[in-house]
C-alpha atoms as a PDB file:
ATOM      1  CA  LEU A   1      44.627-131.747  52.722  1.00  0.00           C
ATOM      2  CA  LEU A   2      42.016-133.480  49.869  1.00  0.00           C
ATOM      3  CA  GLN A   3      42.627-136.806  52.507  1.00  0.00           C
ATOM      4  CA  ARG A   4      41.545-135.209  55.775  1.00  0.00           C
ATOM      5  CA  ARG A   5      38.028-133.946  53.778  1.00  0.00           C
ATOM      6  CA  GLY A   6      37.663-137.456  52.962  1.00  0.00           C
ATOM      7  CA  GLU A   7      38.749-136.667  49.137  1.00  0.00           C
ATOM      8  CA  ASP A   8      40.790-138.763  47.075  1.00  0.00           C
ATOM      9  CA  PRO A   9      43.712-136.932  45.493  1.00  0.00           C
ATOM     10  CA  TRP A  10      44.240-138.978  42.481  1.00  0.00           C
ATOM     11  CA  ILE A  11      40.280-138.581  41.932  1.00  0.00           C
ATOM     12  CA  ARG A  12      39.638-134.868  42.144  1.00  0.00           C
ATOM     13  CA  HIS A  13      43.135-134.153  40.315  1.00  0.00           C
ATOM     14  CA  GLY A  14      41.723-136.572  36.823  1.00  0.00           C
ATOM     15  CA  LEU A  15      44.578-139.283  37.791  1.00  0.00           C
ATOM     16  CA  THR A  16      41.804-141.719  38.054  1.00  0.00           C
ATOM     17  CA  SER A  17      42.495-144.427  35.627  1.00  0.00           C
ATOM     18  CA  ARG A  18      38.680-144.873  34.596  1.00  0.00           C
ATOM     19  CA  PRO A  19      37.825-142.184  32.287  1.00  0.00           C
ATOM     20  CA  HIS A  20      34.501-142.232  30.310  1.00  0.00           C
ATOM     21  CA  GLY A  21      32.817-140.825  27.601  1.00  0.00           C
ATOM     22  CA  LEU A  22      36.199-141.680  25.709  1.00  0.00           C
ATOM     23  CA  ALA A  23      34.080-141.941  22.550  1.00  0.00           C
ATOM     24  CA  ALA A  24      32.838-138.680  22.552  1.00  0.00           C
ATOM     25  CA  ALA A  25      36.349-136.695  23.734  1.00  0.00           C
ATOM     26  CA  LEU A  26      38.114-138.979  20.441  1.00  0.00           C
ATOM     27  CA  ALA A  27      35.284-137.705  18.007  1.00  0.00           C
ATOM     28  CA  LEU A  28      35.655-134.190  19.435  1.00  0.00           C
ATOM     29  CA  SER A  29      39.429-134.412  19.417  1.00  0.00           C
ATOM     30  CA  LEU A  30      39.736-135.695  15.572  1.00  0.00           C
ATOM     31  CA  GLY A  31      37.576-133.080  14.410  1.00  0.00           C
ATOM     32  CA  ILE A  32      39.702-130.324  16.620  1.00  0.00           C
ATOM     33  CA  LEU A  33      42.729-131.430  14.781  1.00  0.00           C
ATOM     34  CA  GLY A  34      40.916-131.541  11.290  1.00  0.00           C
ATOM     35  CA  ALA A  35      39.539-128.135  11.611  1.00  0.00           C
ATOM     36  CA  PHE A  36      43.115-126.800  12.665  1.00  0.00           C
ATOM     37  CA  VAL A  37      44.766-128.931   9.606  1.00  0.00           C
ATOM     38  CA  ALA A  38      42.122-127.272   7.222  1.00  0.00           C
ATOM     39  CA  VAL A  39      42.957-123.347   8.824  1.00  0.00           C
ATOM     40  CA  CYS A  40      46.603-124.073   8.497  1.00  0.00           C
ATOM     41  CA  ALA A  41      46.461-124.766   4.919  1.00  0.00           C
ATOM     42  CA  LEU A  42      44.329-121.997   4.110  1.00  0.00           C
ATOM     43  CA  LEU A  43      47.171-120.151   5.774  1.00  0.00           C
ATOM     44  CA  ALA A  44      49.318-121.680   3.530  1.00  0.00           C
ATOM     45  CA  GLU A  45      51.138-119.791   1.375  1.00  0.00           C
ATOM     46  CA  GLY A  46      51.686-122.257  -1.023  1.00  0.00           C
ATOM     47  CA  PRO A  47      51.399-125.620  -1.568  1.00  0.00           C
ATOM     48  CA  ALA A  48      51.921-127.999   1.521  1.00  0.00           C
ATOM     49  CA  GLN A  49      55.369-129.587   1.680  1.00  0.00           C
ATOM     50  CA  PRO A  50      55.724-132.632   2.484  1.00  0.00           C
ATOM     51  CA  VAL A  51      56.596-133.752   6.308  1.00  0.00           C
ATOM     52  CA  GLU A  52      59.829-134.976   8.300  1.00  0.00           C
ATOM     53  CA  TRP A  53      57.363-137.406  10.411  1.00  0.00           C
ATOM     54  CA  GLY A  54      60.516-139.260  12.512  1.00  0.00           C
ATOM     55  CA  PRO A  55      61.717-135.896  13.979  1.00  0.00           C
ATOM     56  CA  ILE A  56      58.265-134.930  15.129  1.00  0.00           C
ATOM     57  CA  LEU A  57      57.402-138.364  16.632  1.00  0.00           C
ATOM     58  CA  ARG A  58      60.672-138.473  18.048  1.00  0.00           C
ATOM     59  CA  LEU A  59      59.521-135.457  20.294  1.00  0.00           C
ATOM     60  CA  LEU A  60      56.445-137.656  21.656  1.00  0.00           C
ATOM     61  CA  PRO A  61      58.412-139.022  24.437  1.00  0.00           C
ATOM     62  CA  GLN A  62      59.144-135.822  25.886  1.00  0.00           C
ATOM     63  CA  GLN A  63      55.721-133.899  24.789  1.00  0.00           C
ATOM     64  CA  LEU A  64      54.230-136.259  26.742  1.00  0.00           C
ATOM     65  CA  VAL A  65      56.381-136.746  29.689  1.00  0.00           C
ATOM     66  CA  PHE A  66      57.901-133.046  30.037  1.00  0.00           C
ATOM     67  CA  VAL A  67      55.137-130.708  28.494  1.00  0.00           C
ATOM     68  CA  ALA A  68      51.879-132.214  28.143  1.00  0.00           C
ATOM     69  CA  LEU A  69      52.104-134.283  31.955  1.00  0.00           C
ATOM     70  CA  GLN A  70      52.982-130.812  33.755  1.00  0.00           C
ATOM     71  CA  GLU A  71      51.015-128.291  32.197  1.00  0.00           C
ATOM     72  CA  GLU A  72      47.788-130.337  32.000  1.00  0.00           C
ATOM     73  CA  TYR A  73      48.463-131.734  36.217  1.00  0.00           C
ATOM     74  CA  PHE A  74      48.550-128.028  37.113  1.00  0.00           C
ATOM     75  CA  PHE A  75      46.072-126.362  35.220  1.00  0.00           C
ATOM     76  CA  ARG A  76      43.125-129.113  34.279  1.00  0.00           C
ATOM     77  CA  GLY A  77      44.102-131.063  37.397  1.00  0.00           C
ATOM     78  CA  VAL A  78      44.482-128.741  40.130  1.00  0.00           C
ATOM     79  CA  LEU A  79      43.447-125.019  38.993  1.00  0.00           C
ATOM     80  CA  GLN A  80      40.502-126.174  36.909  1.00  0.00           C
ATOM     81  CA  PRO A  81      38.851-128.195  39.780  1.00  0.00           C
ATOM     82  CA  ALA A  82      39.671-125.585  42.219  1.00  0.00           C
ATOM     83  CA  LEU A  83      38.485-122.656  39.870  1.00  0.00           C
ATOM     84  CA  GLU A  84      35.856-124.839  38.992  1.00  0.00           C
ATOM     85  CA  ARG A  85      34.222-124.885  42.851  1.00  0.00           C
ATOM     86  CA  GLU A  86      34.941-121.616  43.636  1.00  0.00           C
ATOM     87  CA  GLN A  87      33.325-120.410  40.799  1.00  0.00           C
ATOM     88  CA  GLY A  88      29.754-121.703  40.912  1.00  0.00           C
ATOM     89  CA  PRO A  89      27.781-124.177  38.838  1.00  0.00           C
ATOM     90  CA  ALA A  90      28.824-125.103  35.154  1.00  0.00           C
ATOM     91  CA  ARG A  91      26.944-125.500  32.407  1.00  0.00           C
ATOM     92  CA  ARG A  92      26.824-128.715  30.380  1.00  0.00           C
ATOM     93  CA  ILE A  93      28.471-128.094  26.944  1.00  0.00           C
ATOM     94  CA  LEU A  94      28.670-131.184  24.500  1.00  0.00           C
ATOM     95  CA  GLY A  95      28.205-133.399  27.798  1.00  0.00           C
ATOM     96  CA  ALA A  96      30.754-131.845  30.213  1.00  0.00           C
ATOM     97  CA  PRO A  97      29.927-129.628  32.926  1.00  0.00           C
ATOM     98  CA  LEU A  98      32.461-126.664  32.019  1.00  0.00           C
ATOM     99  CA  GLY A  99      32.104-123.098  33.989  1.00  0.00           C
ATOM    100  CA  ARG A 100      33.903-120.075  34.588  1.00  0.00           C
ATOM    101  CA  GLY A 101      36.513-121.858  36.250  1.00  0.00           C
ATOM    102  CA  ALA A 102      37.465-123.963  32.777  1.00  0.00           C
ATOM    103  CA  LEU A 103      37.711-120.539  30.925  1.00  0.00           C
ATOM    104  CA  ALA A 104      39.857-119.092  33.919  1.00  0.00           C
ATOM    105  CA  ALA A 105      41.964-121.375  34.427  1.00  0.00           C
ATOM    106  CA  ALA A 106      42.500-121.804  30.355  1.00  0.00           C
ATOM    107  CA  ALA A 107      43.381-118.066  30.637  1.00  0.00           C
ATOM    108  CA  LEU A 108      46.105-118.635  33.051  1.00  0.00           C
ATOM    109  CA  PHE A 109      47.373-121.365  31.086  1.00  0.00           C
ATOM    110  CA  ALA A 110      47.391-119.190  27.530  1.00  0.00           C
ATOM    111  CA  LEU A 111      48.946-116.398  29.528  1.00  0.00           C
ATOM    112  CA  ALA A 112      51.634-118.806  30.846  1.00  0.00           C
ATOM    113  CA  HIS A 113      52.564-119.381  27.145  1.00  0.00           C
ATOM    114  CA  LEU A 114      53.953-115.964  27.012  1.00  0.00           C
ATOM    115  CA  ASP A 115      57.602-115.220  27.144  1.00  0.00           C
ATOM    116  CA  PRO A 116      58.669-111.448  28.312  1.00  0.00           C
ATOM    117  CA  PHE A 117      62.369-112.112  27.758  1.00  0.00           C
ATOM    118  CA  GLN A 118      62.027-113.418  24.034  1.00  0.00           C
ATOM    119  CA  GLY A 119      59.221-110.291  23.291  1.00  0.00           C
ATOM    120  CA  ILE A 120      55.722-110.560  23.744  1.00  0.00           C
ATOM    121  CA  ASP A 121      54.061-112.362  20.718  1.00  0.00           C
ATOM    122  CA  PRO A 122      50.542-112.173  21.458  1.00  0.00           C
ATOM    123  CA  SER A 123      49.981-114.762  18.707  1.00  0.00           C
ATOM    124  CA  ARG A 124      51.001-117.499  21.734  1.00  0.00           C
ATOM    125  CA  LEU A 125      47.839-116.448  23.887  1.00  0.00           C
ATOM    126  CA  LEU A 126      45.923-118.604  20.905  1.00  0.00           C
ATOM    127  CA  THR A 127      47.016-121.235  23.091  1.00  0.00           C
ATOM    128  CA  PHE A 128      43.395-120.337  25.273  1.00  0.00           C
ATOM    129  CA  PHE A 129      41.598-122.030  22.370  1.00  0.00           C
ATOM    130  CA  PRO A 130      42.862-125.188  23.065  1.00  0.00           C
ATOM    131  CA  ALA A 131      42.883-125.273  26.464  1.00  0.00           C
ATOM    132  CA  LEU A 132      39.322-124.931  26.304  1.00  0.00           C
ATOM    133  CA  TRP A 133      39.340-128.350  24.472  1.00  0.00           C
ATOM    134  CA  PHE A 134      42.062-129.598  27.034  1.00  0.00           C
ATOM    135  CA  ALA A 135      39.442-128.249  29.569  1.00  0.00           C
ATOM    136  CA  TRP A 136      36.589-130.171  28.108  1.00  0.00           C
ATOM    137  CA  LEU A 137      38.541-133.242  27.621  1.00  0.00           C
ATOM    138  CA  ARG A 138      39.600-132.735  31.866  1.00  0.00           C
ATOM    139  CA  ALA A 139      35.667-132.206  31.935  1.00  0.00           C
ATOM    140  CA  ARG A 140      34.105-134.931  29.938  1.00  0.00           C
ATOM    141  CA  THR A 141      36.185-137.633  31.152  1.00  0.00           C
ATOM    142  CA  GLY A 142      36.731-137.092  34.267  1.00  0.00           C
ATOM    143  CA  SER A 143      40.545-137.878  33.826  1.00  0.00           C
ATOM    144  CA  ILE A 144      43.681-135.224  32.558  1.00  0.00           C
ATOM    145  CA  VAL A 145      44.328-138.228  30.627  1.00  0.00           C
ATOM    146  CA  PRO A 146      42.933-137.420  27.536  1.00  0.00           C
ATOM    147  CA  ALA A 147      44.006-134.073  28.031  1.00  0.00           C
ATOM    148  CA  ILE A 148      47.538-135.085  28.447  1.00  0.00           C
ATOM    149  CA  LEU A 149      46.824-137.064  25.254  1.00  0.00           C
ATOM    150  CA  GLY A 150      45.083-134.404  23.160  1.00  0.00           C
ATOM    151  CA  HIS A 151      48.062-131.786  24.553  1.00  0.00           C
ATOM    152  CA  ALA A 152      50.751-134.064  23.172  1.00  0.00           C
ATOM    153  CA  ALA A 153      49.137-134.908  19.831  1.00  0.00           C
ATOM    154  CA  ALA A 154      48.216-130.850  19.571  1.00  0.00           C
ATOM    155  CA  ASN A 155      52.294-129.605  19.532  1.00  0.00           C
ATOM    156  CA  LEU A 156      52.647-133.024  17.378  1.00  0.00           C
ATOM    157  CA  VAL A 157      50.316-132.147  14.490  1.00  0.00           C
ATOM    158  CA  GLY A 158      51.159-128.065  14.952  1.00  0.00           C
ATOM    159  CA  LEU A 159      54.661-128.955  14.571  1.00  0.00           C
ATOM    160  CA  ALA A 160      53.871-130.865  11.261  1.00  0.00           C
ATOM    161  CA  CYS A 161      51.227-127.955   9.878  1.00  0.00           C
ATOM    162  CA  PHE A 162      54.112-125.659  10.358  1.00  0.00           C
ATOM    163  CA  GLN A 163      56.212-127.442   8.983  1.00  0.00           C
ATOM    164  CA  ALA A 164      54.441-128.758   5.561  1.00  0.00           C
ATOM    165  CA  PHE A 165      52.637-125.415   5.439  1.00  0.00           C
ATOM    166  CA  LYS A 166      55.480-123.159   6.294  1.00  0.00           C
ATOM    167  CA  ILE A 167      53.077-121.093   8.094  1.00  0.00           C
ATOM    168  CA  LYS A 168      55.363-118.881  10.606  1.00  0.00           C
ATOM    169  CA  PHE A 169      53.560-116.631  13.607  1.00  0.00           C
ATOM    170  CA  GLY A 170      54.876-113.602  15.218  1.00  0.00           C
END
């Protein structure tokens, strides 16, 4: 359908090979991940434990291909641009055009992380906040690739923090 309208579906869905604004995206991403680690340290009930990085890093291919790629393609590649078109003009936030469509896609992302078969855990709705980061990455760079990398990094850093600080939600 996009091709019939004269649009390139690869670009519309954020699969461009030339993302822009990568320095800003990397700087914000490192800041967010650092803040997340700091919050985890504050929530820790005791001293940090050593992290076993081997098992965590072995999850990287799985996180990239079976989690981040699929979720980011749908939520930031397809849904976010469609909702942004329908919701009207966006505001520039740290150099990225974000509007109500990005907020709606982030909310749907959070709702999709609820698992009614294992009982509703409200802490799963906290995925709304990283979803805003991923939405910003998509809008700032024009590509879902930085959002995919940020998503996988967030999941792996989260696993490391939960291991190091013995944090449990739910």
